[in-house]
Each structure stands twice: as structure tokens, then as C-alpha cells.
Amino acid sequence: MDDHQFKQLLAYFNLSGKGYRKVRKGVKKRIARHMQSLSCRQIERYLQRLAADETIKNQCAALMTVSISRFYRDRRVWSVLEKELLPDLVAGRTAPVRIWSAGCGRGEEVYSFRIAWKDLRLQRNGRPRLEIVATDVNSDYLAQAQKGVYNRGSVRELTAEQLGRYFESRPGGSRYCIRPELKTNIAWSCQDLVSGQNPPGLFDIIFLRNNLLTYYRDPQKGAAFERVTATLQHNGTLIIGAHERLPDTAGRFVPVSGTNLIFQYR
């Protein structure tokens, strides 16, 4: 698959070529294999198959997803969460704290939050109940996330103490498995941020990092952003990726602690 054919596929899904600039090589290989499995030698024939068969279209959409993450990715985010946002959020609170990881990939973000929450509870007693909703369009990523097994590169940002407390090392020492107690109170589900329905209820924090704002183009991106962020509580927190920016219509979001990654909804 050449770049011109790939651009045709991006246009079909209304995806941004800019978002795929550094990762397109691997994505193109996956799509080429999918085309071969369907005996589609030409991109035009492939697009016809996508339009005619929803199952094939969903398979292609999953192959277009990218998951590049690690525990505690973007240290600034986790520093602000641990030192400022979480202590303020739980102070005197009795209602559950609800988190949505929108585009959770293989689960590093979800379990990073569980670790941050657990570390907070070691310092303070009587924390409210934590409820996490984790969604992704790629069912294979979700299956890996629920297993919670990671390689050494994924956990390199964690301290030795955190590794010992929250992971079980696999034979050989190169694979780390999340301990069962960190897998509780997480609802995993397959969801497309553009065309799917929101999870029920309102959320205190939404992680919307390195997916919708990176890989989609307007007007789909703007409409999906409005729908996703409509689930934030008043004064709730939105967290985006390091190389992303909010849509021009996001006037009700105020930066937190001088960052361009964390915003409060007002």
C-alpha cells in the first residue's frame, strides 16, 4: 500500500494524515495484510468491501487504531494529579469518584490511575469508592488490558517500590502482571468515540489522550469532542495528550496548573 492509497483510506474514515505521520508504516502493513486476506488488490475494491460489509469495516477500523503508551506517560499529568487534583477531589467526599479512560488502549493509563489512587490511599484513610470506565474501539487491545501483562519498556517510569507492590513478575523478569486487587471496579467495553454512545452517568475525570484529537478531522472530531465532554461533572477534569490541543469551540475549559494537558470544565 502506497501513501496515495493510504490517504484514500484515511479520507474514507475521515481520519487525519497528520496524526498518522509517524506511525503510518505499521498501520499500512496491517491494512495490506487485511486487503490480501480479502483478495483485494486495489484500494477501490477494498473501499467497496468496507462500504458493503459492516463487519469488514469494523475490522479495518480496529486495524487503523494505534496504541503507543506506557505507565505514567507524560509525567506532568501524573504529578499534578497526585499532588493537587486527587487530594482536592477526595477531601470530605462520600460519593464515588468516577473516571473515564476514553480510548484506553492496552490499559496502561487505567492501571496508572489505579496505582496513583492506591498510593494516595496509603497516605490518607477513608477514601471514597473509585469507579473506572475504560473504553476502546479495538477489542484486541481491551483483551490485553484485562489480562494486564506488560513488558519492561511499558513499566520503565515506575519505581522499584511500585513494581514490587503492584505487579507480579513473570518468569525471566521481562514481563510484569498487574496484581488482581488493581483490576477491581473497572468496567471495560468496546466503543467508538465518534459513532458510539457515551457510557452512562457523569465523570469527575476524563482521559482523552492521543486518540480522538490526534487521529480525526473536523467535523467528526468537533462533534465527538462535544458529546464526550458532555459527560463531565461541573468543574470536572479533562486530560489530553502532550501534542494535542482543544478544538476552538472548547471555550469552557480552563487550563489547570499552567499546563496545556489538564483542563477544568466550567
Foldseek 3Di string as FASTA:
>chain_A
DDPVLVVVVCVLVQWDPQLCVPPVVQLVVLVVVLCVVVVHPDSVVVVVVLVVDVVSVLVNVLSNDDDDAAACPPVVVLVCCLPPVVVVVFVVDADEAEEEAEACFLPNDLLSVLLSVVVVCVVPPDGYHYAYEYEHQHVVSLVNNLQAKDFPVRHVVDDPVSQVPAWDADPPRGMTHGDPVSNPNYHYDYADLQPGADDDAAHQEYEPESDLQRIHDPPSSVVSVVRHCVRYDQQGKYFYYPPGADPPPQPQWDDDPPDRGMTTGD
